[in-house]
Structure formats: C-alpha cells, structure tokens
Amino acid sequence: MSHSSQSGFSIIELVIIVAVVGLGGFLGYTYFAKQKAQVADTASSQARTADVPAVPVVNTTADLTTAEKALDATTVGSTSDSSQLDSELANF
C-alpha cells in the first residue's frame, strides 16, 4: 500500500485564485480610470467657467452693441454669439 500525501495547491485551485485576483484588479483599474476621468472633466469644466466673463445687462440698444463687442472680443468656444445678438438687435 502506497499512500502519498500531497502538499500545495492543485491546478484548479490556482486557476481560481488567479481568476479572482485578475477580476479584482480589472474592477479596481476600471474604477480608478473612471474616477480619474471624472476629476479631469471637473477640472476642465471649472477652468472653462473661470474664463467666461460676466453676462452684461442689456436695457438699451447701446447696451446690446456693447455686449456684442464684448462677446466678439472673447472667444471661449469655436462659435461666436454675435449672430444671435444681431437677431436680438433687429428685434429690439
């Protein structure tokens, strides 16, 4: 009678351990990347809002012209708001 005692892990146990550790690493990396993107998005949106000047109050036609000049001087995005101001000026 030959009785051998085995010590250590079987191949199935090692595969399960590697799968659990890999899954935990993947979930942790995904969570970390999502948080990092959220922080970067928040920082860029705060930087964009800090560059935007205050909205001028428009009560007269002269105020509207002044607001148009201020918007033309400030280029925050790729589009200009002066076309909208021109239509508002025509309706004023």
N, C-alpha and C. Protein backbone atom coordinates (compact mmCIF):
# COMPACT_ATOMS: atom_id res chain seq x y z
N MET A 1 0.81 -1.15 0.00
CA MET A 1 0.00 0.00 0.00
C MET A 1 0.88 1.25 0.00
N SER A 2 0.65 1.95 -0.96
CA SER A 2 1.42 3.15 -1.11
C SER A 2 0.50 4.35 -0.87
N HIS A 3 0.81 5.13 0.09
CA HIS A 3 -0.01 6.29 0.45
C HIS A 3 0.86 7.53 0.34
N SER A 4 0.52 8.38 -0.61
CA SER A 4 1.32 9.60 -0.77
C SER A 4 0.48 10.79 -0.35
N SER A 5 1.07 11.65 0.41
CA SER A 5 0.36 12.86 0.82
C SER A 5 0.81 14.00 -0.08
N GLN A 6 -0.17 14.76 -0.51
CA GLN A 6 0.15 15.88 -1.39
C GLN A 6 0.14 17.17 -0.58
N SER A 7 1.06 18.02 -0.88
CA SER A 7 1.06 19.33 -0.25
C SER A 7 1.07 20.39 -1.35
N GLY A 8 0.44 21.50 -1.09
CA GLY A 8 0.37 22.56 -2.10
C GLY A 8 -1.02 22.65 -2.70
N PHE A 9 -1.12 23.43 -3.75
CA PHE A 9 -2.41 23.66 -4.39
C PHE A 9 -2.53 22.82 -5.65
N SER A 10 -3.74 22.46 -5.98
CA SER A 10 -3.98 21.79 -7.25
C SER A 10 -4.08 22.85 -8.35
N ILE A 11 -4.04 22.42 -9.59
CA ILE A 11 -4.09 23.35 -10.71
C ILE A 11 -5.43 24.09 -10.75
N ILE A 12 -6.50 23.44 -10.38
CA ILE A 12 -7.83 24.07 -10.35
C ILE A 12 -7.85 25.20 -9.31
N GLU A 13 -7.30 24.94 -8.15
CA GLU A 13 -7.27 25.97 -7.12
C GLU A 13 -6.44 27.17 -7.56
N LEU A 14 -5.33 26.94 -8.24
CA LEU A 14 -4.50 28.04 -8.72
C LEU A 14 -5.22 28.85 -9.79
N VAL A 15 -5.94 28.18 -10.68
CA VAL A 15 -6.68 28.89 -11.72
C VAL A 15 -7.77 29.76 -11.09
N ILE A 16 -8.45 29.25 -10.09
CA ILE A 16 -9.50 30.02 -9.41
C ILE A 16 -8.90 31.24 -8.72
N ILE A 17 -7.78 31.07 -8.05
CA ILE A 17 -7.12 32.18 -7.36
C ILE A 17 -6.67 33.25 -8.35
N VAL A 18 -6.08 32.83 -9.47
CA VAL A 18 -5.62 33.79 -10.48
C VAL A 18 -6.82 34.52 -11.08
N ALA A 19 -7.93 33.81 -11.30
CA ALA A 19 -9.12 34.44 -11.87
C ALA A 19 -9.70 35.47 -10.90
N VAL A 20 -9.76 35.16 -9.63
CA VAL A 20 -10.31 36.10 -8.64
C VAL A 20 -9.41 37.33 -8.51
N VAL A 21 -8.11 37.13 -8.46
CA VAL A 21 -7.18 38.26 -8.37
C VAL A 21 -7.25 39.10 -9.63
N GLY A 22 -7.33 38.47 -10.79
CA GLY A 22 -7.43 39.21 -12.06
C GLY A 22 -8.71 40.01 -12.14
N LEU A 23 -9.83 39.43 -11.72
CA LEU A 23 -11.10 40.13 -11.72
C LEU A 23 -11.07 41.34 -10.77
N GLY A 24 -10.49 41.15 -9.61
CA GLY A 24 -10.37 42.26 -8.66
C GLY A 24 -9.49 43.37 -9.21
N GLY A 25 -8.40 43.01 -9.87
CA GLY A 25 -7.53 44.02 -10.49
C GLY A 25 -8.22 44.77 -11.61
N PHE A 26 -8.98 44.04 -12.42
CA PHE A 26 -9.71 44.67 -13.52
C PHE A 26 -10.76 45.65 -12.99
N LEU A 27 -11.53 45.23 -12.00
CA LEU A 27 -12.54 46.11 -11.43
C LEU A 27 -11.91 47.33 -10.75
N GLY A 28 -10.81 47.12 -10.06
CA GLY A 28 -10.12 48.24 -9.42
C GLY A 28 -9.58 49.23 -10.43
N TYR A 29 -8.99 48.72 -11.51
CA TYR A 29 -8.46 49.60 -12.55
C TYR A 29 -9.58 50.37 -13.25
N THR A 30 -10.70 49.72 -13.51
CA THR A 30 -11.83 50.38 -14.15
C THR A 30 -12.36 51.50 -13.26
N TYR A 31 -12.51 51.24 -11.98
CA TYR A 31 -12.98 52.25 -11.04
C TYR A 31 -12.00 53.42 -10.97
N PHE A 32 -10.71 53.10 -10.92
CA PHE A 32 -9.68 54.14 -10.86
C PHE A 32 -9.70 55.01 -12.12
N ALA A 33 -9.82 54.40 -13.29
CA ALA A 33 -9.83 55.15 -14.54
C ALA A 33 -11.07 56.04 -14.62
N LYS A 34 -12.21 55.55 -14.14
CA LYS A 34 -13.44 56.34 -14.16
C LYS A 34 -13.31 57.54 -13.24
N GLN A 35 -12.74 57.34 -12.06
CA GLN A 35 -12.56 58.45 -11.12
C GLN A 35 -11.58 59.48 -11.67
N LYS A 36 -10.51 59.00 -12.31
CA LYS A 36 -9.52 59.90 -12.87
C LYS A 36 -10.12 60.74 -13.99
N ALA A 37 -10.95 60.14 -14.83
CA ALA A 37 -11.61 60.87 -15.91
C ALA A 37 -12.60 61.89 -15.35
N GLN A 38 -13.29 61.53 -14.28
CA GLN A 38 -14.25 62.44 -13.67
C GLN A 38 -13.55 63.65 -13.06
N VAL A 39 -12.41 63.43 -12.43
CA VAL A 39 -11.64 64.54 -11.86
C VAL A 39 -11.12 65.45 -12.96
N ALA A 40 -10.63 64.86 -14.05
CA ALA A 40 -10.13 65.66 -15.16
C ALA A 40 -11.25 66.46 -15.81
N ASP A 41 -12.44 65.87 -15.94
CA ASP A 41 -13.58 66.57 -16.53
C ASP A 41 -14.03 67.71 -15.64
N THR A 42 -14.04 67.49 -14.33
CA THR A 42 -14.44 68.53 -13.39
C THR A 42 -13.44 69.68 -13.42
N ALA A 43 -12.16 69.35 -13.48
CA ALA A 43 -11.13 70.40 -13.50
C ALA A 43 -11.21 71.21 -14.79
N SER A 44 -11.45 70.56 -15.92
CA SER A 44 -11.53 71.30 -17.18
C SER A 44 -12.79 72.15 -17.24
N SER A 45 -13.90 71.67 -16.69
CA SER A 45 -15.12 72.48 -16.71
C SER A 45 -14.99 73.67 -15.77
N GLN A 46 -14.29 73.51 -14.67
CA GLN A 46 -14.06 74.65 -13.78
C GLN A 46 -13.15 75.66 -14.43
N ALA A 47 -12.17 75.20 -15.19
CA ALA A 47 -11.27 76.12 -15.88
C ALA A 47 -12.02 76.89 -16.97
N ARG A 48 -12.94 76.22 -17.66
CA ARG A 48 -13.71 76.90 -18.70
C ARG A 48 -14.64 77.94 -18.11
N THR A 49 -15.28 77.64 -16.99
CA THR A 49 -16.21 78.61 -16.40
C THR A 49 -15.46 79.78 -15.77
N ALA A 50 -14.22 79.58 -15.38
CA ALA A 50 -13.44 80.68 -14.80
C ALA A 50 -13.05 81.69 -15.87
N ASP A 51 -12.96 81.25 -17.15
CA ASP A 51 -12.55 82.14 -18.23
C ASP A 51 -13.70 82.93 -18.83
N VAL A 52 -14.92 82.59 -18.49
CA VAL A 52 -16.09 83.24 -19.09
C VAL A 52 -16.39 84.53 -18.32
N PRO A 53 -16.50 85.63 -19.05
CA PRO A 53 -16.82 86.89 -18.37
C PRO A 53 -18.28 86.93 -17.95
N ALA A 54 -18.59 87.87 -17.09
CA ALA A 54 -19.96 88.02 -16.62
C ALA A 54 -20.85 88.48 -17.76
N VAL A 55 -22.11 88.10 -17.70
CA VAL A 55 -23.07 88.47 -18.73
C VAL A 55 -23.47 89.93 -18.53
N PRO A 56 -23.34 90.74 -19.58
CA PRO A 56 -23.72 92.15 -19.44
C PRO A 56 -25.24 92.30 -19.41
N VAL A 57 -25.70 93.31 -18.70
CA VAL A 57 -27.12 93.61 -18.62
C VAL A 57 -27.49 94.46 -19.84
N VAL A 58 -28.54 94.06 -20.54
CA VAL A 58 -28.95 94.76 -21.75
C VAL A 58 -30.30 95.43 -21.51
N ASN A 59 -30.30 96.76 -21.46
CA ASN A 59 -31.53 97.53 -21.29
C ASN A 59 -31.82 98.42 -22.49
N THR A 60 -30.76 98.81 -23.21
CA THR A 60 -30.93 99.69 -24.35
C THR A 60 -30.19 99.13 -25.55
N THR A 61 -30.37 99.77 -26.69
CA THR A 61 -29.66 99.34 -27.90
C THR A 61 -28.16 99.52 -27.74
N ALA A 62 -27.75 100.55 -27.05
CA ALA A 62 -26.32 100.79 -26.83
C ALA A 62 -25.73 99.68 -25.97
N ASP A 63 -26.49 99.21 -24.99
CA ASP A 63 -26.02 98.09 -24.16
C ASP A 63 -25.86 96.82 -25.00
N LEU A 64 -26.77 96.64 -25.95
CA LEU A 64 -26.69 95.46 -26.81
C LEU A 64 -25.47 95.52 -27.70
N THR A 65 -25.16 96.69 -28.22
CA THR A 65 -23.96 96.87 -29.04
C THR A 65 -22.71 96.64 -28.20
N THR A 66 -22.70 97.13 -26.99
CA THR A 66 -21.56 96.91 -26.09
C THR A 66 -21.39 95.43 -25.78
N ALA A 67 -22.50 94.74 -25.56
CA ALA A 67 -22.43 93.30 -25.29
C ALA A 67 -21.92 92.54 -26.50
N GLU A 68 -22.32 92.95 -27.69
CA GLU A 68 -21.85 92.30 -28.92
C GLU A 68 -20.34 92.46 -29.08
N LYS A 69 -19.85 93.65 -28.81
CA LYS A 69 -18.41 93.90 -28.90
C LYS A 69 -17.65 93.06 -27.86
N ALA A 70 -18.20 92.94 -26.66
CA ALA A 70 -17.55 92.15 -25.61
C ALA A 70 -17.51 90.68 -25.99
N LEU A 71 -18.59 90.18 -26.56
CA LEU A 71 -18.62 88.78 -26.97
C LEU A 71 -17.69 88.52 -28.15
N ASP A 72 -17.59 89.47 -29.07
CA ASP A 72 -16.68 89.29 -30.19
C ASP A 72 -15.23 89.29 -29.73
N ALA A 73 -14.93 90.06 -28.68
CA ALA A 73 -13.56 90.11 -28.16
C ALA A 73 -13.20 88.85 -27.38
N THR A 74 -14.20 88.18 -26.83
CA THR A 74 -13.97 86.98 -26.03
C THR A 74 -14.35 85.76 -26.84
N THR A 75 -13.37 84.91 -27.14
CA THR A 75 -13.65 83.68 -27.89
C THR A 75 -13.45 82.51 -26.95
N VAL A 76 -14.53 82.03 -26.36
CA VAL A 76 -14.47 80.89 -25.44
C VAL A 76 -14.52 79.60 -26.21
N GLY A 77 -15.44 79.50 -27.13
CA GLY A 77 -15.60 78.29 -27.92
C GLY A 77 -15.25 78.56 -29.37
N SER A 78 -15.68 77.67 -30.23
CA SER A 78 -15.38 77.83 -31.64
C SER A 78 -16.45 78.66 -32.34
N THR A 79 -17.57 78.93 -31.71
CA THR A 79 -18.64 79.69 -32.35
C THR A 79 -18.75 81.06 -31.69
N SER A 80 -19.30 81.99 -32.42
CA SER A 80 -19.50 83.34 -31.90
C SER A 80 -20.97 83.55 -31.63
N ASP A 81 -21.27 84.29 -30.59
CA ASP A 81 -22.65 84.59 -30.24
C ASP A 81 -23.14 85.87 -30.89
N SER A 82 -22.33 86.48 -31.71
CA SER A 82 -22.73 87.76 -32.29
C SER A 82 -23.89 87.61 -33.25
N SER A 83 -24.04 86.47 -33.92
CA SER A 83 -25.18 86.29 -34.82
C SER A 83 -26.49 86.29 -34.03
N GLN A 84 -26.48 85.69 -32.86
CA GLN A 84 -27.67 85.72 -32.02
C GLN A 84 -27.95 87.14 -31.54
N LEU A 85 -26.90 87.86 -31.20
CA LEU A 85 -27.09 89.24 -30.77
C LEU A 85 -27.58 90.11 -31.91
N ASP A 86 -27.13 89.84 -33.15
CA ASP A 86 -27.62 90.60 -34.30
C ASP A 86 -29.12 90.42 -34.48
N SER A 87 -29.59 89.17 -34.31
CA SER A 87 -31.02 88.93 -34.45
C SER A 87 -31.78 89.58 -33.30
N GLU A 88 -31.23 89.57 -32.12
CA GLU A 88 -31.89 90.24 -30.99
C GLU A 88 -31.90 91.76 -31.17
N LEU A 89 -30.84 92.28 -31.77
CA LEU A 89 -30.76 93.72 -32.04
C LEU A 89 -31.83 94.12 -33.04
N ALA A 90 -32.05 93.29 -34.03
CA ALA A 90 -33.08 93.58 -35.03
C ALA A 90 -34.47 93.55 -34.40
N ASN A 91 -34.67 92.69 -33.41
CA ASN A 91 -35.97 92.60 -32.76
C ASN A 91 -36.14 93.61 -31.63
N PHE A 92 -35.07 94.28 -31.25
CA PHE A 92 -35.12 95.19 -30.11
C PHE A 92 -35.78 96.43 -30.53
